[in-house]
Structures are given as structure tokens and as C-alpha cells.
């Protein structure tokens, strides 16, 4: 999101509204609602990216620890800056006034420090590209609608209406989330993907391998990653308690080939059959994670 498309669109709409002096308040409110929706999407994206990192960390703490620590630090820096922005926003909502020059300068300093710190995590050869992507530039050149050069504080705060302050603050907040996502994705790409780590395959799980004419064949397709150096242990019985991971019925081991369990159950009598078990992944650090599963299938009578 080079130079922050969200920020650019919102401030452009704001300046147009101010110059035309028509339906100004409504335009600002509409723009602010758009930014708030964008923030929700960015927050979900950030949480999803971090969850992906957490999963990898649980599977291989030794190898992912350095990258995981950096992601944690970036999230901490982001949370602190967002908290400061939210405090300003709350004060503006309460007083309905423009934030002071001192507060503007403090915010500018915080943004600048945040940007410098997160970019500092990036390898020098990739730094320029990331700098252009994350935005939050407070030292660049800014111009008014009349092409007059301005500094950051004048362009976004001192030359705009007080009613627009919440919109500007929310726009900056969206840029922080965007920067956080860029950094998390960068670290994920930097993870060691050698010969035996994080192999990825596409899997197709059909809802049924038998369909009638006029019906639809339906299936789920997804990507799954695994480490062939850490083959999972899979146990199966008639069912499993999804909370306690206790397996019911006769428990047997499932053969595992290239990280994939091969379930093979003899159909002895017709009717609906159930199965359930656990997939256990052990990490090099000595920990393990248990993933329970349940399912059922129908056995038809012999012809």
C-alpha cells in the first residue's frame, strides 16, 4: 500500500470537502466510516498473519524463535503507538477540539521513532522496498491543493478542519496496522525453508466420491505444511473427546507416509460408522501438540 492509499484517499476527500464547503460534515463522516472498516480488515489480516506465525512457532520453536521474537517486538511497538493514537482520538471526541501543537509534535515524533525501529528489523537489501510500502513518512514533501509545499503537521492537522481530526488519526492508525502486516509477512518469508522444513502440499477432500447425474461433486481443497523430519503420531478409535483428547473404543496406530496418515478401516457390517482419534506432533524442543479429529462414513450392504 505505497504511500498509504487509505490515507491519500481520505485526505483528498477531506480537502475537496473543505474547498467546496458543501456537505462537509457528511463527507468527513463517510470517509471516517470507510477508514474504520478498513481498520477492521487490517486488524483481522494482522491477527491471521500472527496466528500463522504462532502455529509455526509451536511446531519448531528452536528454528523460528529469532523471527518470532522480532514479530512480538513489532506487535508491541504497534500496540503502543495505536494506544497513543486512541488516547488522542478519545480526547478529541470528548472536547470536539483540534489537538494542540504539542500533541501534534509528540505524535509526529512517535510515528517517526516507530517507523525507524520497524524498518531497522529489515535486511538492508530489502529496506528501501519496505520503506516505500509501509508509509508513515513524516519527513517527506507534502503539498496543498494549490501545490504549496507544506510540512507534515501543517498538511494533515493545521490546514484542515477540527472536525476532520478523528478521520486523520484513524487514517494514521490504519497505516500502523498496514506496517505491522508488512513486517509480519516479511519475517514469514525469511523463515528457513530448507529441504526438510515446512514442506507444503495441496490436499483435496471430497464430500463424496459418488454423485448422481444432476448433482454436484463437492470437495474442500487446502494447503498443509509439515516437516518430514518430525512425522506425526496418529492414533484412531471409534471416537475422541474433542476437549480431553481421550479416544474411545479399540485404539490403533495409523501408518504415516510423507507426513500424511493413511486411514484404512475394514467395512464389516452395513450402516453408519464413526471414527475419531488424535494427531500428535512432537517438536525438536521437546513439546508436542495434539489435534483431535472425528468423522463418519456409511457402509452399504454387499451386492
Protein backbone atom coordinates (compact mmCIF):
# COMPACT_ATOMS: atom_id res chain seq x y z
CA UNK A 1 0.00 0.00 0.00
CA UNK A 2 2.53 2.56 -1.26
CA UNK A 3 2.27 5.99 0.37
CA UNK A 4 -0.89 4.67 2.06
CA UNK A 5 -3.76 4.60 -0.40
CA UNK A 6 -6.22 4.83 2.52
CA UNK A 7 -4.57 7.97 3.88
CA UNK A 8 -4.34 9.58 0.43
CA UNK A 9 -7.99 8.94 -0.42
CA UNK A 10 -9.28 10.21 2.90
CA UNK A 11 -7.25 13.41 2.94
CA UNK A 12 -8.11 14.11 -0.69
CA UNK A 13 -11.80 13.75 0.06
CA UNK A 14 -11.35 15.97 3.08
CA UNK A 15 -9.62 18.75 1.14
CA UNK A 16 -12.25 18.62 -1.58
CA UNK A 17 -14.99 18.90 1.03
CA UNK A 18 -13.29 21.87 2.67
CA UNK A 19 -12.80 23.71 -0.59
CA UNK A 20 -16.33 23.17 -1.80
CA UNK A 21 -17.80 23.80 1.64
CA UNK A 22 -20.77 21.59 0.79
CA UNK A 23 -21.92 18.62 2.81
CA UNK A 24 -18.58 18.81 4.56
CA UNK A 25 -19.55 17.03 7.77
CA UNK A 26 -21.28 14.24 5.91
CA UNK A 27 -18.27 13.72 3.65
CA UNK A 28 -15.94 13.51 6.63
CA UNK A 29 -18.22 11.01 8.38
CA UNK A 30 -18.45 8.83 5.26
CA UNK A 31 -14.67 8.86 4.85
CA UNK A 32 -14.20 8.03 8.53
CA UNK A 33 -16.58 5.08 8.30
CA UNK A 34 -14.59 3.78 5.32
CA UNK A 35 -11.36 4.03 7.29
CA UNK A 36 -12.88 2.26 10.31
CA UNK A 37 -14.00 -0.60 8.05
CA UNK A 38 -10.51 -0.75 6.56
CA UNK A 39 -9.04 -0.89 10.07
CA UNK A 40 -11.26 -3.88 10.90
CA UNK A 41 -9.98 -5.69 7.80
CA UNK A 42 -6.37 -4.80 8.56
CA UNK A 43 -6.77 -5.98 12.16
CA UNK A 44 -8.17 -9.34 11.01
CA UNK A 45 -5.35 -9.68 8.48
CA UNK A 46 -2.76 -8.91 11.14
CA UNK A 47 -4.25 -11.44 13.56
CA UNK A 48 -4.39 -14.08 10.83
CA UNK A 49 -0.74 -13.47 9.88
CA UNK A 50 0.34 -13.63 13.52
CA UNK A 51 -1.67 -16.83 14.08
CA UNK A 52 0.18 -18.43 11.17
CA UNK A 53 3.44 -17.47 12.84
CA UNK A 54 2.31 -18.87 16.20
CA UNK A 55 1.45 -22.21 14.63
CA UNK A 56 4.88 -22.47 13.07
CA UNK A 57 6.50 -21.46 16.34
CA UNK A 58 4.68 -24.19 18.28
CA UNK A 59 5.90 -26.79 15.80
CA UNK A 60 9.54 -25.72 15.75
CA UNK A 61 10.46 -23.26 18.47
CA UNK A 62 14.21 -23.61 18.05
CA UNK A 63 14.32 -22.54 14.42
CA UNK A 64 11.55 -19.96 14.49
CA UNK A 65 12.35 -18.32 17.86
CA UNK A 66 14.52 -15.47 16.45
CA UNK A 67 11.85 -14.48 13.93
CA UNK A 68 9.02 -14.94 16.41
CA UNK A 69 10.78 -12.61 18.87
CA UNK A 70 11.03 -9.92 16.18
CA UNK A 71 7.35 -10.27 15.32
CA UNK A 72 6.47 -9.92 19.01
CA UNK A 73 8.57 -6.76 19.22
CA UNK A 74 6.90 -5.26 16.13
CA UNK A 75 3.46 -6.00 17.58
CA UNK A 76 4.46 -4.38 20.88
CA UNK A 77 5.67 -1.25 19.08
CA UNK A 78 2.47 -1.14 17.03
CA UNK A 79 0.25 -1.61 20.07
CA UNK A 80 1.98 1.24 21.92
CA UNK A 81 1.62 3.67 19.01
CA UNK A 82 -2.00 2.68 18.41
CA UNK A 83 -2.73 3.18 22.11
CA UNK A 84 -1.31 6.72 21.89
CA UNK A 85 -3.44 7.46 18.82
CA UNK A 86 -6.55 6.11 20.54
CA UNK A 87 -5.90 8.36 23.55
CA UNK A 88 -5.73 11.39 21.26
CA UNK A 89 -8.86 10.27 19.47
CA UNK A 90 -10.72 9.88 22.76
CA UNK A 91 -9.67 13.36 23.86
CA UNK A 92 -10.85 14.84 20.55
CA UNK A 93 -14.18 13.05 20.79
CA UNK A 94 -14.67 14.42 24.30
CA UNK A 95 -13.66 18.06 23.70
CA UNK A 96 -14.58 18.35 19.99
CA UNK A 97 -11.46 20.47 19.55
CA UNK A 98 -8.33 20.33 17.43
CA UNK A 99 -5.36 18.60 19.08
CA UNK A 100 -2.68 21.00 20.31
CA UNK A 101 0.62 21.77 18.58
CA UNK A 102 2.43 19.97 21.38
CA UNK A 103 0.32 16.86 20.87
CA UNK A 104 0.90 17.00 17.12
CA UNK A 105 4.67 17.20 17.59
CA UNK A 106 4.59 14.33 20.12
CA UNK A 107 2.59 12.20 17.70
CA UNK A 108 4.96 13.05 14.85
CA UNK A 109 7.94 12.03 16.98
CA UNK A 110 6.25 8.75 17.98
CA UNK A 111 5.44 7.89 14.36
CA UNK A 112 8.98 8.68 13.25
CA UNK A 113 10.51 6.53 16.04
CA UNK A 114 8.13 3.68 15.26
CA UNK A 115 8.98 3.77 11.57
CA UNK A 116 12.72 3.83 12.23
CA UNK A 117 12.53 0.92 14.67
CA UNK A 118 10.43 -1.40 12.49
CA UNK A 119 12.47 -0.65 9.38
CA UNK A 120 15.56 -1.43 11.43
CA UNK A 121 14.41 -5.06 11.57
CA UNK A 122 14.62 -5.35 7.78
CA UNK A 123 17.70 -6.61 5.97
CA UNK A 124 19.48 -3.68 4.27
CA UNK A 125 18.97 -5.09 0.77
CA UNK A 126 15.18 -5.13 1.22
CA UNK A 127 14.88 -1.97 3.31
CA UNK A 128 14.14 0.51 0.53
CA UNK A 129 11.24 -1.54 -0.81
CA UNK A 130 9.71 -1.92 2.65
CA UNK A 131 10.16 1.78 3.40
CA UNK A 132 8.10 2.64 0.33
CA UNK A 133 5.42 0.11 1.25
CA UNK A 134 4.68 0.89 4.89
CA UNK A 135 4.13 4.66 4.56
CA UNK A 136 4.08 6.67 7.82
CA UNK A 137 6.52 9.17 6.32
CA UNK A 138 6.55 12.40 8.35
CA UNK A 139 9.62 13.97 6.72
CA UNK A 140 8.61 13.88 3.07
CA UNK A 141 7.29 16.65 0.86
CA UNK A 142 3.60 17.47 1.14
CA UNK A 143 1.58 19.86 -0.99
CA UNK A 144 -1.67 21.73 -0.61
CA UNK A 145 -4.41 21.77 -3.23
CA UNK A 146 -2.67 24.87 -4.63
CA UNK A 147 0.66 23.00 -4.90
CA UNK A 148 2.16 24.89 -1.98
CA UNK A 149 4.83 22.91 -0.14
CA UNK A 150 3.93 22.06 3.45
CA UNK A 151 5.33 20.07 6.34
CA UNK A 152 3.53 17.02 7.74
CA UNK A 153 1.82 18.73 10.67
CA UNK A 154 0.51 21.60 8.55
CA UNK A 155 -0.69 19.33 5.78
CA UNK A 156 -2.63 16.90 8.00
CA UNK A 157 -3.63 18.93 11.05
CA UNK A 158 -3.06 22.69 10.95
CA UNK A 159 -4.50 23.20 7.48
CA UNK A 160 -7.60 21.06 7.99
CA UNK A 161 -10.83 21.45 9.91
CA UNK A 162 -11.06 20.31 13.56
CA UNK A 163 -13.96 18.01 12.59
CA UNK A 164 -11.53 16.07 10.43
CA UNK A 165 -9.11 15.21 13.25
CA UNK A 166 -10.73 11.82 14.07
CA UNK A 167 -10.51 10.88 10.39
CA UNK A 168 -6.82 11.82 10.22
CA UNK A 169 -6.00 9.91 13.41
CA UNK A 170 -7.85 6.82 12.22
CA UNK A 171 -6.03 7.02 8.89
CA UNK A 172 -2.68 7.05 10.70
CA UNK A 173 -3.88 4.08 12.75
CA UNK A 174 -4.65 2.17 9.55
CA UNK A 175 -1.10 2.84 8.36
CA UNK A 176 0.30 1.37 11.58
CA UNK A 177 -1.70 -1.84 11.05
CA UNK A 178 -0.54 -1.92 7.44
CA UNK A 179 3.10 -1.58 8.54
CA UNK A 180 2.64 -4.36 11.10
CA UNK A 181 1.25 -6.71 8.45
CA UNK A 182 4.09 -5.91 6.05
CA UNK A 183 6.66 -6.73 8.74
CA UNK A 184 4.98 -9.98 9.80
CA UNK A 185 4.80 -11.13 6.17
CA UNK A 186 8.44 -10.14 5.67
CA UNK A 187 9.56 -12.24 8.64
CA UNK A 188 7.45 -15.16 7.46
CA UNK A 189 9.21 -15.08 4.09
CA UNK A 190 12.55 -15.00 5.91
CA UNK A 191 11.85 -18.26 7.76
CA UNK A 192 14.29 -21.09 6.91
CA UNK A 193 12.66 -23.28 4.24
CA UNK A 194 15.28 -25.91 3.70
CA UNK A 195 14.96 -29.43 2.40
CA UNK A 196 13.20 -30.85 5.40
CA UNK A 197 11.30 -27.89 6.78
CA UNK A 198 7.78 -26.72 6.09
CA UNK A 199 7.03 -28.84 3.04
CA UNK A 200 3.73 -27.78 1.56
CA UNK A 201 1.21 -29.89 -0.30
CA UNK A 202 -2.24 -29.27 -1.69
CA UNK A 203 -4.95 -31.63 -0.46
CA UNK A 204 -8.40 -32.29 -1.86
CA UNK A 205 -11.04 -33.78 0.44
CA UNK A 206 -14.22 -34.69 -1.45
CA UNK A 207 -17.55 -34.64 0.38
CA UNK A 208 -18.37 -37.77 -1.57
CA UNK A 209 -16.68 -39.74 -4.31
CA UNK A 210 -20.06 -40.85 -5.59
CA UNK A 211 -22.58 -38.42 -7.10
CA UNK A 212 -25.73 -38.85 -9.15
CA UNK A 213 -26.34 -37.22 -12.51
CA UNK A 214 -27.59 -33.66 -11.98
CA UNK A 215 -25.90 -33.38 -8.57
CA UNK A 216 -22.66 -31.51 -7.82
CA UNK A 217 -19.32 -33.01 -6.96
CA UNK A 218 -18.09 -31.02 -3.95
CA UNK A 219 -14.70 -31.02 -2.26
CA UNK A 220 -12.53 -28.92 0.03
CA UNK A 221 -9.05 -28.05 -1.23
CA UNK A 222 -6.39 -26.62 1.07
CA UNK A 223 -2.66 -26.34 1.59
CA UNK A 224 -0.96 -28.03 4.52
CA UNK A 225 2.62 -27.67 5.70
CA UNK A 226 4.62 -30.32 7.52
CA UNK A 227 8.17 -31.22 8.46
CA UNK A 228 9.27 -34.61 7.16
CA UNK A 229 11.85 -34.75 9.95
CA UNK A 230 9.03 -34.71 12.51
CA UNK A 231 6.47 -37.27 11.36
CA UNK A 232 3.24 -37.08 13.39
CA UNK A 233 1.89 -39.90 15.52
CA UNK A 234 -1.73 -40.72 14.71
CA UNK A 235 -4.00 -42.85 16.89
CA UNK A 236 -7.54 -43.82 15.97
CA UNK A 237 -10.54 -45.43 17.65
CA UNK A 238 -14.33 -45.19 17.39
CA UNK A 239 -14.43 -41.52 18.54
CA UNK A 240 -12.50 -38.93 20.52
CA UNK A 241 -13.48 -36.33 23.11
CA UNK A 242 -12.58 -33.00 21.44
CA UNK A 243 -11.92 -31.39 24.85
CA UNK A 244 -9.90 -34.05 26.65
CA UNK A 245 -8.45 -35.90 23.59
CA UNK A 246 -9.48 -39.23 25.17
CA UNK A 247 -10.08 -41.87 22.49
CA UNK A 248 -12.98 -44.33 22.83
CA UNK A 249 -13.05 -47.90 21.53
CA UNK A 250 -10.12 -50.01 20.38
CA UNK A 251 -7.18 -47.72 19.70
CA UNK A 252 -4.72 -48.44 16.89
CA UNK A 253 -1.87 -46.56 15.23
CA UNK A 254 -2.20 -45.15 11.74
CA UNK A 255 0.59 -45.53 9.20
CA UNK A 256 2.20 -42.21 8.23
CA UNK A 257 3.79 -41.66 4.81
CA UNK A 258 5.41 -38.30 3.97
CA UNK A 259 3.63 -36.62 6.84
CA UNK A 260 0.21 -37.94 5.84
CA UNK A 261 -1.74 -40.52 7.85
CA UNK A 262 -3.31 -43.34 5.83
CA UNK A 263 -6.56 -44.44 7.49
CA UNK A 264 -7.79 -47.84 6.33
CA UNK A 265 -10.81 -49.37 8.09
CA UNK A 266 -12.43 -52.65 7.07
CA UNK A 267 -16.15 -52.41 6.36
CA UNK A 268 -17.54 -55.49 8.11
CA UNK A 269 -21.22 -54.63 8.53
CA UNK A 270 -23.52 -52.13 6.80
CA UNK A 271 -24.63 -48.91 8.47
CA UNK A 272 -23.21 -45.62 9.71
CA UNK A 273 -19.74 -45.95 11.21
CA UNK A 274 -17.84 -43.42 13.30
CA UNK A 275 -14.16 -42.92 13.89
CA UNK A 276 -12.05 -40.49 15.89
CA UNK A 277 -8.51 -40.04 17.06
CA UNK A 278 -5.61 -37.73 17.66
CA UNK A 279 -2.74 -36.43 15.57
CA UNK A 280 0.30 -35.67 17.72
CA UNK A 281 3.19 -33.53 16.50
CA UNK A 282 6.40 -33.51 18.53
CA UNK A 283 8.77 -30.56 18.18
CA UNK A 284 12.59 -30.62 18.48
CA UNK A 285 12.32 -28.56 21.66
CA UNK A 286 10.53 -31.46 23.36
CA UNK A 287 6.99 -30.08 23.32
CA UNK A 288 4.04 -31.57 21.48
CA UNK A 289 0.66 -30.52 20.14
CA UNK A 290 -2.41 -32.73 19.94
CA UNK A 291 -5.05 -32.28 17.22
CA UNK A 292 -8.24 -34.35 17.75
CA UNK A 293 -10.49 -35.36 14.86
CA UNK A 294 -13.83 -37.14 14.42
CA UNK A 295 -15.63 -38.42 11.34
CA UNK A 296 -18.15 -40.88 9.99
CA UNK A 297 -18.92 -42.88 6.87
CA UNK A 298 -21.64 -45.19 5.60
CA UNK A 299 -21.15 -48.83 4.71
CA UNK A 300 -23.57 -50.18 2.17
CA UNK A 301 -24.76 -53.79 2.01
CA UNK A 302 -22.88 -56.25 -0.16
CA UNK A 303 -24.36 -56.86 -3.63
